[in-house]
Structures are given as structure tokens and as C-alpha cells.
């Protein structure tokens, strides 16, 4: 029982740094890696240089890292196109 408690505490403690590192920095461009996003690059070129040949990393904008992709509802409704029966 004691070993189970120690194992659970160890797992919980090891998860804390990963949560804190999920998104770091406030620069315009981020290096997305499996453990999170590092937003510390001023230009996409700087991020790409830091990424190198790593296939597990991707450079993205800070807006994309925070989920603001612009894929929501449009602010201005699109004009209504008449159906064939309305013409």
C-alpha cells in the first residue's frame, strides 16, 4: 500500500513540470513539440532554424498555439443567395 502511494505521488509530481511547460513565452512564433509550445521566437525563420530537421516539431503562430485560428463564425453575415425558386 505504501509503495502504491509513493508511486502515485511520484507520478503526480512528475506531471507538474509538463503542465507548466505546456506553453511558455509570449513571442509571436512558437515551436510546437509533443510536450507543448515554446513561444520564444520573433520570426518564423528563427523558429525554423531552431526546429532544424526535427520531424516531431512544427513552427506555428502564437495565435494558433492558443487556439485562435479564425475558424469561428464570421462577424459579418454572408449575403443571401437566392434559391432557384426565388428567382
Protein backbone atom coordinates (compact mmCIF):
# COMPACT_ATOMS: atom_id res chain seq x y z
CA UNK A 1 0.00 0.00 0.00
CA UNK A 2 2.82 2.36 0.92
CA UNK A 3 4.53 1.65 -2.42
CA UNK A 4 1.30 2.47 -4.26
CA UNK A 5 1.02 5.85 -2.51
CA UNK A 6 4.67 6.65 -3.24
CA UNK A 7 4.22 5.67 -6.90
CA UNK A 8 1.08 7.83 -7.24
CA UNK A 9 2.80 10.79 -5.59
CA UNK A 10 5.82 10.39 -7.86
CA UNK A 11 3.64 10.32 -10.96
CA UNK A 12 1.69 13.40 -9.85
CA UNK A 13 4.89 15.28 -9.05
CA UNK A 14 6.47 14.42 -12.40
CA UNK A 15 3.38 15.70 -14.25
CA UNK A 16 3.65 19.19 -12.75
CA UNK A 17 6.65 20.39 -14.83
CA UNK A 18 5.00 19.11 -18.00
CA UNK A 19 1.84 21.10 -17.30
CA UNK A 20 3.84 24.23 -16.56
CA UNK A 21 5.85 23.78 -19.77
CA UNK A 22 2.79 23.25 -21.96
CA UNK A 23 3.03 26.81 -23.32
CA UNK A 24 5.91 29.08 -22.47
CA UNK A 25 6.89 32.53 -23.66
CA UNK A 26 4.95 35.34 -25.28
CA UNK A 27 6.74 35.85 -28.60
CA UNK A 28 4.91 35.89 -31.94
CA UNK A 29 6.07 32.43 -33.12
CA UNK A 30 6.15 29.09 -31.30
CA UNK A 31 7.90 25.78 -31.69
CA UNK A 32 5.23 23.11 -31.16
CA UNK A 33 6.71 19.94 -29.71
CA UNK A 34 4.96 16.91 -28.16
CA UNK A 35 5.23 18.38 -24.65
CA UNK A 36 3.80 21.80 -25.62
CA UNK A 37 4.57 25.06 -27.37
CA UNK A 38 7.61 27.28 -26.78
CA UNK A 39 6.61 30.80 -27.91
CA UNK A 40 10.05 32.40 -27.81
CA UNK A 41 10.77 33.28 -31.46
CA UNK A 42 10.38 36.73 -33.00
CA UNK A 43 10.25 35.46 -36.58
CA UNK A 44 9.14 32.29 -38.32
CA UNK A 45 12.69 31.98 -39.70
CA UNK A 46 14.15 31.92 -36.17
CA UNK A 47 11.71 29.18 -35.23
CA UNK A 48 12.51 27.14 -38.35
CA UNK A 49 16.24 27.39 -37.62
CA UNK A 50 15.67 26.17 -34.06
CA UNK A 51 13.46 23.33 -35.32
CA UNK A 52 16.18 22.03 -37.63
CA UNK A 53 15.40 18.63 -39.13
CA UNK A 54 13.15 17.51 -36.28
CA UNK A 55 10.10 15.75 -37.68
CA UNK A 56 8.36 15.91 -34.29
CA UNK A 57 8.33 19.71 -34.14
CA UNK A 58 6.40 22.37 -36.02
CA UNK A 59 6.60 26.17 -36.10
CA UNK A 60 3.26 27.91 -35.59
CA UNK A 61 2.00 31.39 -34.73
CA UNK A 62 1.16 32.26 -31.15
CA UNK A 63 -2.50 32.64 -32.16
CA UNK A 64 -2.52 29.04 -33.42
CA UNK A 65 -0.80 27.84 -30.25
CA UNK A 66 -3.54 29.45 -28.17
CA UNK A 67 -6.34 28.13 -30.35
CA UNK A 68 -7.28 31.40 -32.07
CA UNK A 69 -7.28 30.19 -35.66
CA UNK A 70 -10.05 32.37 -37.09
CA UNK A 71 -12.21 29.38 -37.90
CA UNK A 72 -15.18 30.59 -35.87
CA UNK A 73 -18.34 32.31 -37.03
CA UNK A 74 -17.85 35.26 -39.39
CA UNK A 75 -18.51 38.69 -37.88
CA UNK A 76 -20.40 39.85 -40.97
CA UNK A 77 -23.09 37.55 -42.34
CA UNK A 78 -22.58 36.47 -45.91
CA UNK A 79 -25.11 37.76 -48.45
CA UNK A 80 -28.09 35.54 -49.07
CA UNK A 81 -28.01 33.81 -52.44
CA UNK A 82 -31.49 33.38 -53.90
CA UNK A 83 -32.61 29.83 -54.48
CA UNK A 84 -33.85 28.85 -57.96
CA UNK A 85 -37.46 29.12 -56.78
CA UNK A 86 -36.90 32.73 -55.63
CA UNK A 87 -35.57 33.90 -58.98
